[in-house]
Protein backbone atom coordinates (compact mmCIF):
# COMPACT_ATOMS: atom_id res chain seq x y z
CA MET A 1 75.38 161.86 43.81
CA SER A 2 74.19 164.74 41.64
CA GLU A 3 76.34 166.56 39.11
CA PRO A 4 79.29 168.16 40.95
CA SER A 5 79.60 171.93 41.23
CA ALA A 6 82.01 173.73 38.89
CA ALA A 7 84.55 174.03 41.72
CA VAL A 8 84.41 170.31 42.56
CA ALA A 9 84.61 169.38 38.86
CA ALA A 10 87.67 171.63 38.48
CA ILE A 11 89.35 170.08 41.54
CA LEU A 12 88.69 166.57 40.23
CA ALA A 13 90.06 167.54 36.80
CA HIS A 14 93.24 168.94 38.38
CA LEU A 15 93.66 165.80 40.49
CA ASP A 16 93.25 163.66 37.36
CA GLU A 17 95.88 165.78 35.57
CA ASP A 18 98.33 165.60 38.50
CA GLU A 19 97.83 161.84 38.76
CA GLU A 20 98.35 161.35 35.01
CA THR A 21 101.48 163.51 35.04
CA ALA A 22 102.93 161.63 38.04
CA HIS A 23 102.27 158.26 36.40
CA GLY A 24 103.93 159.53 33.21
CA ALA A 25 106.98 160.80 35.09
CA ALA A 26 107.30 157.52 36.99
CA GLU A 27 107.00 155.52 33.77
CA GLU A 28 109.53 157.70 31.97
CA ALA A 29 112.01 157.47 34.86
CA GLY A 30 111.46 153.76 35.39
CA GLU A 31 110.08 154.16 38.93
CA ALA A 32 108.18 156.58 41.13
CA GLU A 33 110.59 156.91 44.10
CA TRP A 34 113.37 159.44 43.54
CA SER A 35 116.50 160.19 45.57
CA PRO A 36 118.49 163.43 45.95
CA GLY A 37 121.72 161.43 46.03
CA GLY A 38 124.53 162.34 48.36
CA ASP A 39 126.33 165.60 49.05
CA TYR A 40 127.56 167.35 45.92
CA SER A 41 125.44 165.15 43.68
CA ASP A 42 124.79 166.63 40.26
CA THR A 43 121.52 164.74 39.70
CA VAL A 44 118.27 163.55 41.20
CA ARG A 45 118.04 159.81 40.54
CA THR A 46 115.50 157.05 40.81
CA GLU A 47 115.80 155.32 44.16
CA GLU A 48 116.40 151.74 42.99
CA ALA A 49 117.63 151.91 39.39
CA GLY A 50 119.74 155.04 39.77
CA ILE A 51 118.50 156.62 36.54
CA ALA A 52 119.03 160.40 36.42
CA VAL A 53 115.75 162.35 36.31
CA ALA A 54 117.07 165.89 36.89
CA ALA A 55 120.57 167.30 36.42
CA GLY A 56 122.67 170.48 36.58
CA PRO A 57 125.11 171.91 35.89
CA TRP A 58 125.01 175.23 37.61
CA SER A 59 128.01 177.48 38.09
CA ASP A 60 129.66 175.01 40.46
CA GLY A 61 128.80 172.02 38.27
CA PHE A 62 126.39 170.52 40.79
CA LEU A 63 122.65 170.61 41.27
CA PRO A 64 122.24 172.77 44.42
CA ASP A 65 121.23 170.80 47.51
CA GLY A 66 117.96 172.70 48.08
CA LEU A 67 116.80 172.28 44.50
CA ARG A 68 117.87 168.62 44.35
CA ASP A 69 116.11 167.89 47.64
CA HIS A 70 112.94 169.66 46.50
CA ILE A 71 112.76 167.76 43.20
CA ALA A 72 113.35 164.42 44.91
CA ARG A 73 110.87 165.18 47.70
CA HIS A 74 108.13 165.90 45.15
CA ASP A 75 108.67 162.70 43.21
CA PRO A 76 105.81 160.89 41.45
CA ALA A 77 105.27 158.58 44.44
CA ARG A 78 104.59 161.52 46.76
CA THR A 79 102.36 163.19 44.19
CA LEU A 80 100.30 160.00 43.85
CA ARG A 81 99.94 159.77 47.64
CA LEU A 82 98.92 163.43 47.77
CA VAL A 83 96.32 162.96 45.02
CA GLU A 84 94.89 159.97 46.88
CA ALA A 85 94.73 161.91 50.16
CA LEU A 86 93.08 164.92 48.52
CA ARG A 87 90.50 162.67 46.83
CA LYS A 88 89.68 161.11 50.22
CA LEU A 89 89.38 164.55 51.84
CA LEU A 90 87.12 165.76 49.04
CA GLU A 91 85.01 162.59 49.25
CA ALA A 92 84.63 163.03 53.02
CA HIS A 93 83.54 166.64 52.56
CA LEU A 94 81.10 165.77 49.77
CA GLY A 95 79.61 162.92 51.78
CA TYR A 96 79.04 165.11 54.80
CA TYR A 97 78.49 168.65 53.52
CA GLY A 98 77.74 168.41 49.79
CA ASP A 99 79.56 169.97 46.87
CA GLY A 100 80.13 173.53 47.99
CA ASP A 101 81.22 175.81 50.77
CA ASP A 102 78.66 177.50 52.90
CA GLU A 103 78.95 180.29 55.43
CA TYR A 104 77.60 177.88 58.07
CA LEU A 105 80.24 175.21 57.53
CA PRO A 106 83.11 175.13 60.01
CA VAL A 107 85.80 174.89 57.30
CA PRO A 108 85.56 176.01 53.64
CA THR A 109 87.06 172.75 52.35
CA ILE A 110 86.26 173.24 48.67
CA SER A 111 87.76 176.75 48.59
CA ILE A 112 90.88 175.56 50.40
CA LEU A 113 91.37 172.64 48.01
CA ALA A 114 90.70 174.81 44.94
CA GLY A 115 93.39 177.21 46.17
CA ILE A 116 96.06 174.56 45.51
CA TRP A 117 95.77 175.27 41.77
CA ASP A 118 95.12 179.03 42.03
CA ASP A 119 98.33 180.55 40.71
CA GLY A 120 97.08 184.08 40.25
CA GLY A 121 95.63 183.64 36.79
CA ALA A 122 98.56 181.88 35.14
CA SER A 123 96.86 178.51 35.55
CA ARG A 124 96.52 176.12 32.59
CA GLY A 125 92.86 175.65 33.43
CA PRO A 126 90.04 177.04 35.56
CA VAL A 127 89.94 176.35 39.26
CA GLY A 128 86.26 177.16 39.48
CA ALA A 129 84.70 180.04 41.29
CA VAL A 130 83.81 179.19 44.84
CA THR A 131 81.47 181.46 46.69
CA GLY A 132 80.18 181.19 50.21
């Protein structure tokens, strides 16, 4: 394959960063699967070892259910699965359509994937301009 476009290179760099961060979080916590605990739990914990990875307190002394559930749902294990799925999707697109979006393609895959990291300019790094 030829040198990837700036957009594809940026997507791959973001995937590498997300993967590295997830591995680091899993290593620091002792495992990648996290649990929101039960009702009125004040922490998000690792699934098997029970090590706290996120804690309150808030005004009621507990980590709110929605926040606790969100943190646990986006644990390192899920992030690693997401990175793998996005890499496969990108690979499928590259193998079939090449490294960019085109007005004749049915779906602008590269632009859609790049949008994951487009946070309105507050990003830590470039997403890569994608033009049709």
